[in-house]
Amino acid sequence: MDSFLQMLGIANRAQAVVSGTLSCEKSLKHGKAKLLIIAVDASEEVADNLSRAAERAKTQVITYRDKNSLGAAIGKSHRAAVVITDEGLAKRLYELSL
């Protein structure tokens, strides 16, 4: 597992991860999202909807790996997107994605 996915697992254990499309949208809408991570194999509709919501919320967006990897990193089934709610963890994950 690469360092990005390890850090995502740490963020999950710190209860700083929101997963699932609807939960991510809600987190973005309420201003709790610090970083949106979209799987590269997420559907175009989901990616577009979440990207627009992130733009409205002025939240950074990155794409990373696939749905199975994102889900496995947080101990769940495949996930098209996850939101990070902690500023420090979001910053670190963004740095690792570069």
Protein backbone atom coordinates (compact mmCIF):
# COMPACT_ATOMS: atom_id res chain seq x y z
CA MET A 1 0.00 0.00 0.00
CA ASP A 2 1.39 3.41 -0.92
CA SER A 3 1.84 6.29 1.52
CA PHE A 4 -1.25 8.13 0.25
CA LEU A 5 -3.52 5.18 0.99
CA GLN A 6 -1.83 4.63 4.35
CA MET A 7 -2.50 8.27 5.27
CA LEU A 8 -6.10 7.88 4.11
CA GLY A 9 -6.42 4.93 6.50
CA ILE A 10 -5.00 7.05 9.33
CA ALA A 11 -7.50 9.81 8.51
CA ASN A 12 -10.28 7.24 8.65
CA ARG A 13 -9.15 6.00 12.06
CA ALA A 14 -9.10 9.64 13.20
CA GLN A 15 -12.76 9.86 12.10
CA ALA A 16 -11.86 12.52 9.52
CA VAL A 17 -13.23 10.67 6.48
CA VAL A 18 -16.72 10.84 5.01
CA SER A 19 -17.43 8.29 2.30
CA GLY A 20 -20.20 7.68 -0.16
CA THR A 21 -21.55 10.05 -2.76
CA LEU A 22 -24.50 11.43 -0.79
CA SER A 23 -22.51 11.85 2.40
CA CYS A 24 -19.75 13.63 0.49
CA GLU A 25 -22.28 15.99 -1.11
CA LYS A 26 -23.77 16.76 2.31
CA SER A 27 -20.34 17.41 3.82
CA LEU A 28 -19.45 19.75 0.95
CA LYS A 29 -22.78 21.57 1.22
CA HIS A 30 -22.35 22.16 4.96
CA GLY A 31 -18.77 23.40 4.64
CA LYS A 32 -17.17 20.52 6.54
CA ALA A 33 -15.10 19.18 3.62
CA LYS A 34 -11.45 20.21 3.42
CA LEU A 35 -10.50 17.88 0.54
CA LEU A 36 -12.51 15.80 -1.93
CA ILE A 37 -10.88 12.67 -3.35
CA ILE A 38 -12.56 11.15 -6.40
CA ALA A 39 -11.60 7.73 -7.76
CA VAL A 40 -10.38 7.83 -11.35
CA ASP A 41 -12.94 5.17 -12.26
CA ALA A 42 -15.90 6.99 -10.69
CA SER A 43 -18.76 7.55 -13.09
CA GLU A 44 -18.66 10.78 -15.05
CA GLU A 45 -21.96 11.86 -13.51
CA VAL A 46 -20.76 11.34 -9.94
CA ALA A 47 -17.42 13.02 -10.62
CA ASP A 48 -19.10 16.02 -12.27
CA ASN A 49 -21.70 16.45 -9.53
CA LEU A 50 -19.15 16.24 -6.74
CA SER A 51 -16.68 18.49 -8.56
CA ARG A 52 -19.34 21.17 -8.97
CA ALA A 53 -20.30 20.90 -5.30
CA ALA A 54 -16.62 21.19 -4.33
CA GLU A 55 -16.22 24.25 -6.54
CA ARG A 56 -19.20 25.92 -4.86
CA ALA A 57 -17.71 25.04 -1.46
CA LYS A 58 -14.22 26.20 -2.55
CA THR A 59 -12.83 22.78 -1.62
CA GLN A 60 -9.77 21.24 -3.30
CA VAL A 61 -10.38 18.17 -5.44
CA ILE A 62 -7.97 15.43 -6.41
CA THR A 63 -8.44 12.20 -8.34
CA TYR A 64 -6.67 9.13 -7.15
CA ARG A 65 -6.48 5.45 -7.97
CA ASP A 66 -9.64 3.40 -8.26
CA LYS A 67 -12.80 2.83 -6.22
CA ASN A 68 -11.54 -0.46 -4.80
CA SER A 69 -8.32 1.13 -3.49
CA LEU A 70 -10.15 4.04 -1.85
CA GLY A 71 -12.62 1.70 -0.19
CA ALA A 72 -9.95 -0.75 0.97
CA ALA A 73 -7.90 2.06 2.52
CA ILE A 74 -10.81 2.93 4.81
CA GLY A 75 -11.93 -0.64 5.45
CA LYS A 76 -15.04 -0.53 3.28
CA SER A 77 -16.23 -1.76 -0.08
CA HIS A 78 -15.45 0.27 -3.20
CA ARG A 79 -15.95 4.04 -2.85
CA ALA A 80 -16.22 6.50 -5.74
CA ALA A 81 -15.36 9.43 -3.49
CA VAL A 82 -14.29 10.36 0.01
CA VAL A 83 -14.09 13.68 1.82
CA ILE A 84 -11.48 14.62 4.38
CA THR A 85 -12.82 16.86 7.16
CA ASP A 86 -9.59 17.62 9.02
CA GLU A 87 -7.49 20.51 7.65
CA GLY A 88 -4.11 19.03 8.58
CA LEU A 89 -4.86 15.58 7.20
CA ALA A 90 -6.34 17.12 4.06
CA LYS A 91 -3.17 19.14 3.51
CA ARG A 92 -0.95 16.07 3.98
CA LEU A 93 -3.03 13.94 1.63
CA TYR A 94 -2.97 16.69 -0.98
CA GLU A 95 0.83 16.87 -0.72
CA LEU A 96 1.13 13.09 -1.07
CA SER A 97 -1.04 13.15 -4.20
CA LEU A 98 1.37 15.43 -6.07
